[in-house]
Amino acid sequence: MKGLVAITGASSGFGAAAARAFARLGHPLFLGARRTTRLEEVAVECEKLGAPTAVAHALDVRSRESIEAWCAACGTPEVLLNNAGGAKGRDSIEKLKDEDLLWMYETNVIGLYRVTRALLPGMVAARKGHIVNLGSYAAYGVYEGGGVYGATKHAVRALSQTLRLELSGTGIRVSEIDPGLAETEFSVVRLGGDAEKAKAVYAGFEPLTAEDVAEAIVWCVKRPSHVNISEMVLTPTAQSSLSKVHRG
């Protein structure tokens, strides 16, 4: 049987798309997210698509206790996709709300560290596996209003690079996927649920889709075991930098 794929933040967006993509390839899945009703719907869909099993288990990456319970139930995956993350607001550093600061660091950085730390011993003992961290194009520069979100994604990149050093010789691969502008629920969450403002972020050009990013994730994982894709940046053709997008 093909190896277990564990995915955080699997109830929507990149995580749900990746779950469906791995399901089509016949992988068993262990899925985590806060929105358990939506997560269970994704799990049912994945079993219909070909996953031998697709387990939906509640996971809040801001909670150490939730992470510990999820990882204990997961066991040792062959692939860990650290996908849970997001942004809150576009405030300048001067006006940044403390709750948004904490939410982004706890979700994007601390949660990712804790999930990885909990599952690594089993992967190291098995001397195989693949950790895929969902980063962002924001890890390669800065922009106004992105002082915290960008900083968290710089931190994810540092973690990925450090893991490659520390896991050298274990057989475990570490990849980071860094998408540019992709139309998911990301902007809806960032902009406080304002769907109209979120839609305007992608006006005038064709953004990436969740399926585009999922395809990149699967491609990295499916390389031969002696090949590691360390980093992959993918952007819409219309996006040439963090701040420059051609809108027709």
C-alpha atoms as a PDB file:
ATOM      1  CA  MET A   1       0.000   0.000   0.000  1.00  0.00           C
ATOM      2  CA  LYS A   2       1.150   3.538  -0.704  1.00  0.00           C
ATOM      3  CA  GLY A   3       2.399   5.613   2.214  1.00  0.00           C
ATOM      4  CA  LEU A   4       0.222   7.660   4.558  1.00  0.00           C
ATOM      5  CA  VAL A   5      -0.101  11.367   3.753  1.00  0.00           C
ATOM      6  CA  ALA A   6      -0.853  13.659   6.712  1.00  0.00           C
ATOM      7  CA  ILE A   7      -2.172  17.137   5.893  1.00  0.00           C
ATOM      8  CA  THR A   8      -2.862  20.052   8.230  1.00  0.00           C
ATOM      9  CA  GLY A   9      -5.388  22.689   7.248  1.00  0.00           C
ATOM     10  CA  ALA A  10      -7.122  20.178   4.995  1.00  0.00           C
ATOM     11  CA  SER A  11     -10.680  21.518   5.140  1.00  0.00           C
ATOM     12  CA  SER A  12     -10.252  23.943   2.201  1.00  0.00           C
ATOM     13  CA  GLY A  13      -7.802  25.613  -0.169  1.00  0.00           C
ATOM     14  CA  PHE A  14      -4.410  24.056  -0.834  1.00  0.00           C
ATOM     15  CA  GLY A  15      -4.880  21.406   1.852  1.00  0.00           C
ATOM     16  CA  ALA A  16      -8.176  20.080   0.499  1.00  0.00           C
ATOM     17  CA  ALA A  17      -6.893  20.193  -3.085  1.00  0.00           C
ATOM     18  CA  ALA A  18      -3.749  18.288  -2.094  1.00  0.00           C
ATOM     19  CA  ALA A  19      -5.846  15.705  -0.244  1.00  0.00           C
ATOM     20  CA  ARG A  20      -7.915  15.102  -3.371  1.00  0.00           C
ATOM     21  CA  ALA A  21      -4.783  14.875  -5.520  1.00  0.00           C
ATOM     22  CA  PHE A  22      -3.144  12.280  -3.262  1.00  0.00           C
ATOM     23  CA  ALA A  23      -6.452  10.389  -3.004  1.00  0.00           C
ATOM     24  CA  ARG A  24      -6.548   9.991  -6.788  1.00  0.00           C
ATOM     25  CA  LEU A  25      -3.108   8.369  -6.547  1.00  0.00           C
ATOM     26  CA  GLY A  26      -4.350   5.844  -3.983  1.00  0.00           C
ATOM     27  CA  HIS A  27      -2.708   7.190  -0.811  1.00  0.00           C
ATOM     28  CA  PRO A  28      -4.335   6.751   2.603  1.00  0.00           C
ATOM     29  CA  LEU A  29      -4.886  10.144   4.236  1.00  0.00           C
ATOM     30  CA  PHE A  30      -4.887  11.602   7.735  1.00  0.00           C
ATOM     31  CA  LEU A  31      -6.451  15.054   7.628  1.00  0.00           C
ATOM     32  CA  GLY A  32      -6.598  17.828  10.201  1.00  0.00           C
ATOM     33  CA  ALA A  33      -8.397  21.166  10.514  1.00  0.00           C
ATOM     34  CA  ARG A  34     -10.535  23.187  12.916  1.00  0.00           C
ATOM     35  CA  ARG A  35     -13.698  23.071  10.796  1.00  0.00           C
ATOM     36  CA  THR A  36     -14.524  19.413  11.358  1.00  0.00           C
ATOM     37  CA  THR A  37     -17.753  19.332   9.329  1.00  0.00           C
ATOM     38  CA  ARG A  38     -15.974  20.567   6.214  1.00  0.00           C
ATOM     39  CA  LEU A  39     -13.023  18.298   6.979  1.00  0.00           C
ATOM     40  CA  GLU A  40     -15.274  15.254   7.124  1.00  0.00           C
ATOM     41  CA  GLU A  41     -16.782  16.229   3.768  1.00  0.00           C
ATOM     42  CA  VAL A  42     -13.294  16.365   2.257  1.00  0.00           C
ATOM     43  CA  ALA A  43     -12.471  12.956   3.760  1.00  0.00           C
ATOM     44  CA  VAL A  44     -15.610  11.377   2.277  1.00  0.00           C
ATOM     45  CA  GLU A  45     -14.806  12.897  -1.114  1.00  0.00           C
ATOM     46  CA  CYS A  46     -11.240  11.579  -0.950  1.00  0.00           C
ATOM     47  CA  GLU A  47     -12.384   8.010  -0.291  1.00  0.00           C
ATOM     48  CA  LYS A  48     -14.672   8.244  -3.322  1.00  0.00           C
ATOM     49  CA  LEU A  49     -11.698   9.460  -5.370  1.00  0.00           C
ATOM     50  CA  GLY A  50      -9.559   6.459  -4.453  1.00  0.00           C
ATOM     51  CA  ALA A  51      -7.990   6.910  -1.018  1.00  0.00           C
ATOM     52  CA  PRO A  52      -8.041   3.527   0.808  1.00  0.00           C
ATOM     53  CA  THR A  53      -8.815   5.460   3.983  1.00  0.00           C
ATOM     54  CA  ALA A  54      -9.247   9.161   4.742  1.00  0.00           C
ATOM     55  CA  VAL A  55      -9.418   9.996   8.420  1.00  0.00           C
ATOM     56  CA  ALA A  56     -10.717  13.399   9.507  1.00  0.00           C
ATOM     57  CA  HIS A  57      -9.386  14.424  12.932  1.00  0.00           C
ATOM     58  CA  ALA A  58      -9.913  17.799  14.577  1.00  0.00           C
ATOM     59  CA  LEU A  59      -6.763  19.929  14.676  1.00  0.00           C
ATOM     60  CA  ASP A  60      -6.163  23.467  15.905  1.00  0.00           C
ATOM     61  CA  VAL A  61      -2.497  24.264  15.251  1.00  0.00           C
ATOM     62  CA  ARG A  62      -2.677  27.111  17.785  1.00  0.00           C
ATOM     63  CA  SER A  63      -3.259  24.542  20.549  1.00  0.00           C
ATOM     64  CA  ARG A  64      -0.400  22.368  21.798  1.00  0.00           C
ATOM     65  CA  GLU A  65      -2.887  19.874  23.244  1.00  0.00           C
ATOM     66  CA  SER A  66      -4.751  19.593  19.950  1.00  0.00           C
ATOM     67  CA  ILE A  67      -1.488  19.052  18.069  1.00  0.00           C
ATOM     68  CA  GLU A  68      -0.372  16.348  20.481  1.00  0.00           C
ATOM     69  CA  ALA A  69      -3.692  14.511  20.146  1.00  0.00           C
ATOM     70  CA  TRP A  70      -3.688  14.776  16.349  1.00  0.00           C
ATOM     71  CA  CYS A  71      -0.106  13.561  15.982  1.00  0.00           C
ATOM     72  CA  ALA A  72      -0.659  10.668  18.402  1.00  0.00           C
ATOM     73  CA  ALA A  73      -3.672   9.543  16.364  1.00  0.00           C
ATOM     74  CA  CYS A  74      -1.788   9.986  13.085  1.00  0.00           C
ATOM     75  CA  GLY A  75       1.151   7.738  13.829  1.00  0.00           C
ATOM     76  CA  THR A  76       4.065   8.011  11.391  1.00  0.00           C
ATOM     77  CA  PRO A  77       3.239   9.435   7.968  1.00  0.00           C
ATOM     78  CA  GLU A  78       5.337   8.969   4.875  1.00  0.00           C
ATOM     79  CA  VAL A  79       4.429  12.500   3.792  1.00  0.00           C
ATOM     80  CA  LEU A  80       3.700  15.415   6.117  1.00  0.00           C
ATOM     81  CA  LEU A  81       2.178  18.455   4.449  1.00  0.00           C
ATOM     82  CA  ASN A  82       2.351  21.423   6.819  1.00  0.00           C
ATOM     83  CA  ASN A  83      -0.325  23.481   5.120  1.00  0.00           C
ATOM     84  CA  ALA A  84      -2.271  25.183   7.932  1.00  0.00           C
ATOM     85  CA  GLY A  85      -1.688  28.933   7.916  1.00  0.00           C
ATOM     86  CA  GLY A  86      -3.018  32.293   6.910  1.00  0.00           C
ATOM     87  CA  ALA A  87      -2.980  36.041   7.342  1.00  0.00           C
ATOM     88  CA  LYS A  88      -5.032  38.482   9.390  1.00  0.00           C
ATOM     89  CA  GLY A  89      -5.337  42.063   8.225  1.00  0.00           C
ATOM     90  CA  ARG A  90      -3.197  44.431   6.195  1.00  0.00           C
ATOM     91  CA  ASP A  91      -2.382  46.861   9.013  1.00  0.00           C
ATOM     92  CA  SER A  92       0.954  48.628   9.199  1.00  0.00           C
ATOM     93  CA  ILE A  93       3.223  47.592  12.059  1.00  0.00           C
ATOM     94  CA  GLU A  94       2.289  50.811  13.858  1.00  0.00           C
ATOM     95  CA  LYS A  95      -1.408  49.880  13.833  1.00  0.00           C
ATOM     96  CA  LEU A  96      -1.131  46.105  14.113  1.00  0.00           C
ATOM     97  CA  LYS A  97      -3.596  44.454  16.476  1.00  0.00           C
ATOM     98  CA  ASP A  98      -2.037  42.204  19.090  1.00  0.00           C
ATOM     99  CA  GLU A  99      -4.563  39.433  18.422  1.00  0.00           C
ATOM    100  CA  ASP A 100      -3.631  39.393  14.714  1.00  0.00           C
ATOM    101  CA  LEU A 101       0.079  39.302  15.554  1.00  0.00           C
ATOM    102  CA  LEU A 102      -0.366  36.325  17.849  1.00  0.00           C
ATOM    103  CA  TRP A 103      -2.759  34.511  15.503  1.00  0.00           C
ATOM    104  CA  MET A 104      -0.307  34.635  12.589  1.00  0.00           C
ATOM    105  CA  TYR A 105       2.745  33.552  14.581  1.00  0.00           C
ATOM    106  CA  GLU A 106       0.917  30.787  16.433  1.00  0.00           C
ATOM    107  CA  THR A 107      -0.699  29.476  13.252  1.00  0.00           C
ATOM    108  CA  ASN A 108       2.069  29.898  10.682  1.00  0.00           C
ATOM    109  CA  VAL A 109       5.178  29.289  12.773  1.00  0.00           C
ATOM    110  CA  ILE A 110       4.655  27.769  16.214  1.00  0.00           C
ATOM    111  CA  GLY A 111       2.021  25.294  15.038  1.00  0.00           C
ATOM    112  CA  LEU A 112       4.209  24.152  12.159  1.00  0.00           C
ATOM    113  CA  TYR A 113       7.171  23.666  14.510  1.00  0.00           C
ATOM    114  CA  ARG A 114       5.099  21.655  16.986  1.00  0.00           C
ATOM    115  CA  VAL A 115       3.512  19.363  14.397  1.00  0.00           C
ATOM    116  CA  THR A 116       6.886  18.690  12.768  1.00  0.00           C
ATOM    117  CA  ARG A 117       8.616  18.107  16.107  1.00  0.00           C
ATOM    118  CA  ALA A 118       5.943  15.631  17.192  1.00  0.00           C
ATOM    119  CA  LEU A 119       6.048  13.520  14.012  1.00  0.00           C
ATOM    120  CA  LEU A 120       9.782  13.624  13.291  1.00  0.00           C
ATOM    121  CA  PRO A 121      10.943  10.873  15.689  1.00  0.00           C
ATOM    122  CA  GLY A 122       8.865   8.227  13.899  1.00  0.00           C
ATOM    123  CA  MET A 123       9.986   9.436  10.486  1.00  0.00           C
ATOM    124  CA  VAL A 124      13.642   9.445  11.546  1.00  0.00           C
ATOM    125  CA  ALA A 125      13.288   5.930  12.969  1.00  0.00           C
ATOM    126  CA  ALA A 126      11.750   4.780   9.670  1.00  0.00           C
ATOM    127  CA  ARG A 127      14.615   6.510   7.812  1.00  0.00           C
ATOM    128  CA  LYS A 128      12.284   7.725   5.098  1.00  0.00           C
ATOM    129  CA  GLY A 129       9.626  10.308   4.506  1.00  0.00           C
ATOM    130  CA  HIS A 130       8.973  13.717   3.067  1.00  0.00           C
ATOM    131  CA  ILE A 131       8.131  16.952   4.867  1.00  0.00           C
ATOM    132  CA  VAL A 132       6.469  19.557   2.653  1.00  0.00           C
ATOM    133  CA  ASN A 133       6.071  23.037   4.141  1.00  0.00           C
ATOM    134  CA  LEU A 134       3.606  25.420   2.529  1.00  0.00           C
ATOM    135  CA  GLY A 135       5.419  28.742   2.467  1.00  0.00           C
ATOM    136  CA  SER A 136       4.752  31.829   0.378  1.00  0.00           C
ATOM    137  CA  TYR A 137       6.268  34.103  -2.235  1.00  0.00           C
ATOM    138  CA  ALA A 138       6.205  36.581   0.673  1.00  0.00           C
ATOM    139  CA  ALA A 139       9.259  34.747   2.060  1.00  0.00           C
ATOM    140  CA  TYR A 140      11.366  36.304  -0.702  1.00  0.00           C
ATOM    141  CA  GLY A 141      10.758  39.975   0.009  1.00  0.00           C
ATOM    142  CA  VAL A 142       8.656  42.480   1.910  1.00  0.00           C
ATOM    143  CA  TYR A 143       5.656  44.705   1.234  1.00  0.00           C
ATOM    144  CA  GLU A 144       3.658  47.288   3.131  1.00  0.00           C
ATOM    145  CA  GLY A 145       0.975  45.760   5.268  1.00  0.00           C
ATOM    146  CA  GLY A 146       2.721  42.395   5.283  1.00  0.00           C
ATOM    147  CA  GLY A 147       5.216  42.938   8.084  1.00  0.00           C
ATOM    148  CA  VAL A 148       3.954  40.060  10.215  1.00  0.00           C
ATOM    149  CA  TYR A 149       2.646  37.625   7.607  1.00  0.00           C
ATOM    150  CA  GLY A 150       5.849  38.034   5.594  1.00  0.00           C
ATOM    151  CA  ALA A 151       7.966  37.575   8.706  1.00  0.00           C
ATOM    152  CA  THR A 152       6.188  34.310   9.519  1.00  0.00           C
ATOM    153  CA  LYS A 153       6.861  32.997   6.021  1.00  0.00           C
ATOM    154  CA  HIS A 154      10.528  34.017   6.242  1.00  0.00           C
ATOM    155  CA  ALA A 155      10.541  31.930   9.436  1.00  0.00           C
ATOM    156  CA  VAL A 156       9.041  28.938   7.616  1.00  0.00           C
ATOM    157  CA  ARG A 157      11.792  29.193   5.016  1.00  0.00           C
ATOM    158  CA  ALA A 158      14.429  29.257   7.762  1.00  0.00           C
ATOM    159  CA  LEU A 159      12.848  26.191   9.363  1.00  0.00           C
ATOM    160  CA  SER A 160      12.825  24.309   6.065  1.00  0.00           C
ATOM    161  CA  GLN A 161      16.478  25.116   5.418  1.00  0.00           C
ATOM    162  CA  THR A 162      17.461  24.100   8.959  1.00  0.00           C
ATOM    163  CA  LEU A 163      15.550  20.830   8.718  1.00  0.00           C
ATOM    164  CA  ARG A 164      17.491  19.888   5.584  1.00  0.00           C
ATOM    165  CA  LEU A 165      20.738  20.314   7.507  1.00  0.00           C
ATOM    166  CA  GLU A 166      19.591  18.497  10.619  1.00  0.00           C
ATOM    167  CA  LEU A 167      18.022  15.601   8.709  1.00  0.00           C
ATOM    168  CA  SER A 168      20.983  15.035   6.428  1.00  0.00           C
ATOM    169  CA  GLY A 169      21.660  11.301   6.175  1.00  0.00           C
ATOM    170  CA  THR A 170      18.242  10.224   7.490  1.00  0.00           C
ATOM    171  CA  GLY A 171      16.646   9.725   4.084  1.00  0.00           C
ATOM    172  CA  ILE A 172      13.958  12.296   4.868  1.00  0.00           C
ATOM    173  CA  ARG A 173      13.361  14.935   2.201  1.00  0.00           C
ATOM    174  CA  VAL A 174      12.258  18.506   2.949  1.00  0.00           C
ATOM    175  CA  SER A 175      10.506  20.655   0.355  1.00  0.00           C
ATOM    176  CA  GLU A 176       8.997  24.110   0.539  1.00  0.00           C
ATOM    177  CA  ILE A 177       6.252  25.268  -1.823  1.00  0.00           C
ATOM    178  CA  ASP A 178       6.005  29.061  -2.147  1.00  0.00           C
ATOM    179  CA  PRO A 179       2.958  30.257  -4.100  1.00  0.00           C
ATOM    180  CA  GLY A 180       2.287  33.786  -5.231  1.00  0.00           C
ATOM    181  CA  LEU A 181      -1.250  35.122  -5.668  1.00  0.00           C
ATOM    182  CA  ALA A 182      -3.681  32.223  -5.470  1.00  0.00           C
ATOM    183  CA  GLU A 183      -7.440  32.562  -5.176  1.00  0.00           C
ATOM    184  CA  THR A 184      -8.575  30.540  -2.171  1.00  0.00           C
ATOM    185  CA  GLU A 185     -10.166  31.641   1.113  1.00  0.00           C
ATOM    186  CA  PHE A 186      -6.861  33.333   2.025  1.00  0.00           C
ATOM    187  CA  SER A 187      -7.941  36.893   1.194  1.00  0.00           C
ATOM    188  CA  VAL A 188     -11.427  36.401   2.643  1.00  0.00           C
ATOM    189  CA  VAL A 189      -9.855  35.494   5.994  1.00  0.00           C
ATOM    190  CA  ARG A 190      -7.229  38.229   5.741  1.00  0.00           C
ATOM    191  CA  LEU A 191      -9.829  40.893   5.008  1.00  0.00           C
ATOM    192  CA  GLY A 192     -12.161  39.930   7.828  1.00  0.00           C
ATOM    193  CA  GLY A 193     -14.683  38.000   5.743  1.00  0.00           C
ATOM    194  CA  ASP A 194     -15.296  40.754   3.179  1.00  0.00           C
ATOM    195  CA  ALA A 195     -15.853  38.660   0.040  1.00  0.00           C
ATOM    196  CA  GLU A 196     -16.112  41.686  -2.248  1.00  0.00           C
ATOM    197  CA  LYS A 197     -12.749  43.108  -1.162  1.00  0.00           C
ATOM    198  CA  ALA A 198     -11.212  39.642  -1.395  1.00  0.00           C
ATOM    199  CA  LYS A 199     -12.444  39.237  -4.966  1.00  0.00           C
ATOM    200  CA  ALA A 200     -10.884  42.583  -5.901  1.00  0.00           C
ATOM    201  CA  VAL A 201      -7.436  41.257  -4.944  1.00  0.00           C
ATOM    202  CA  TYR A 202      -7.574  38.988  -8.010  1.00  0.00           C
ATOM    203  CA  ALA A 203      -9.329  41.355 -10.416  1.00  0.00           C
ATOM    204  CA  GLY A 204      -7.930  41.766 -13.923  1.00  0.00           C
ATOM    205  CA  PHE A 205      -5.669  38.696 -14.084  1.00  0.00           C
ATOM    206  CA  GLU A 206      -5.786  34.935 -13.713  1.00  0.00           C
ATOM    207  CA  PRO A 207      -4.473  33.880 -10.294  1.00  0.00           C
ATOM    208  CA  LEU A 208      -3.201  30.480  -9.276  1.00  0.00           C
ATOM    209  CA  THR A 209      -5.783  27.965  -8.118  1.00  0.00           C
ATOM    210  CA  ALA A 210      -5.597  25.559  -5.215  1.00  0.00           C
ATOM    211  CA  GLU A 211      -5.327  22.761  -7.774  1.00  0.00           C
ATOM    212  CA  ASP A 212      -2.267  24.395  -9.378  1.00  0.00           C
ATOM    213  CA  VAL A 213      -0.494  24.358  -6.032  1.00  0.00           C
ATOM    214  CA  ALA A 214      -1.639  20.829  -5.195  1.00  0.00           C
ATOM    215  CA  GLU A 215      -0.206  19.603  -8.492  1.00  0.00           C
ATOM    216  CA  ALA A 216       3.156  21.166  -7.590  1.00  0.00           C
ATOM    217  CA  ILE A 217       3.103  19.510  -4.171  1.00  0.00           C
ATOM    218  CA  VAL A 218       2.395  16.065  -5.623  1.00  0.00           C
ATOM    219  CA  TRP A 219       5.066  16.528  -8.303  1.00  0.00           C
ATOM    220  CA  CYS A 220       7.696  17.242  -5.628  1.00  0.00           C
ATOM    221  CA  VAL A 221       6.675  14.243  -3.550  1.00  0.00           C
ATOM    222  CA  LYS A 222       6.655  11.911  -6.549  1.00  0.00           C
ATOM    223  CA  ARG A 223      10.272  12.557  -7.589  1.00  0.00           C
ATOM    224  CA  PRO A 224      12.624   9.554  -7.166  1.00  0.00           C
ATOM    225  CA  SER A 225      13.865   9.115  -3.600  1.00  0.00           C
ATOM    226  CA  HIS A 226      17.324  10.446  -4.484  1.00  0.00           C
ATOM    227  CA  VAL A 227      15.825  13.732  -5.763  1.00  0.00           C
ATOM    228  CA  ASN A 228      14.730  16.498  -3.410  1.00  0.00           C
ATOM    229  CA  ILE A 229      13.003  19.665  -4.602  1.00  0.00           C
ATOM    230  CA  SER A 230      14.224  22.046  -1.916  1.00  0.00           C
ATOM    231  CA  GLU A 231      12.172  25.090  -2.901  1.00  0.00           C
ATOM    232  CA  MET A 232       9.553  25.779  -5.539  1.00  0.00           C
ATOM    233  CA  VAL A 233       8.227  29.263  -6.244  1.00  0.00           C
ATOM    234  CA  LEU A 234       5.150  29.435  -8.456  1.00  0.00           C
ATOM    235  CA  THR A 235       3.270  32.579  -9.411  1.00  0.00           C
ATOM    236  CA  PRO A 236       0.590  33.592 -11.869  1.00  0.00           C
ATOM    237  CA  THR A 237       2.119  34.615 -15.191  1.00  0.00           C
ATOM    238  CA  ALA A 238       0.761  38.118 -14.515  1.00  0.00           C
ATOM    239  CA  GLN A 239       2.701  38.436 -11.244  1.00  0.00           C
ATOM    240  CA  SER A 240       6.338  39.446 -11.692  1.00  0.00           C
ATOM    241  CA  SER A 241       7.110  40.449  -8.079  1.00  0.00           C
ATOM    242  CA  LEU A 242       5.425  40.757  -4.705  1.00  0.00           C
ATOM    243  CA  SER A 243       4.174  44.198  -5.642  1.00  0.00           C
ATOM    244  CA  LYS A 244       3.869  44.080  -9.457  1.00  0.00           C
ATOM    245  CA  VAL A 245       0.899  42.386 -11.098  1.00  0.00           C
ATOM    246  CA  HIS A 246      -0.249  43.070 -14.633  1.00  0.00           C
ATOM    247  CA  ARG A 247      -3.991  43.606 -14.622  1.00  0.00           C
ATOM    248  CA  GLY A 248      -5.560  43.593 -18.063  1.00  0.00           C
END
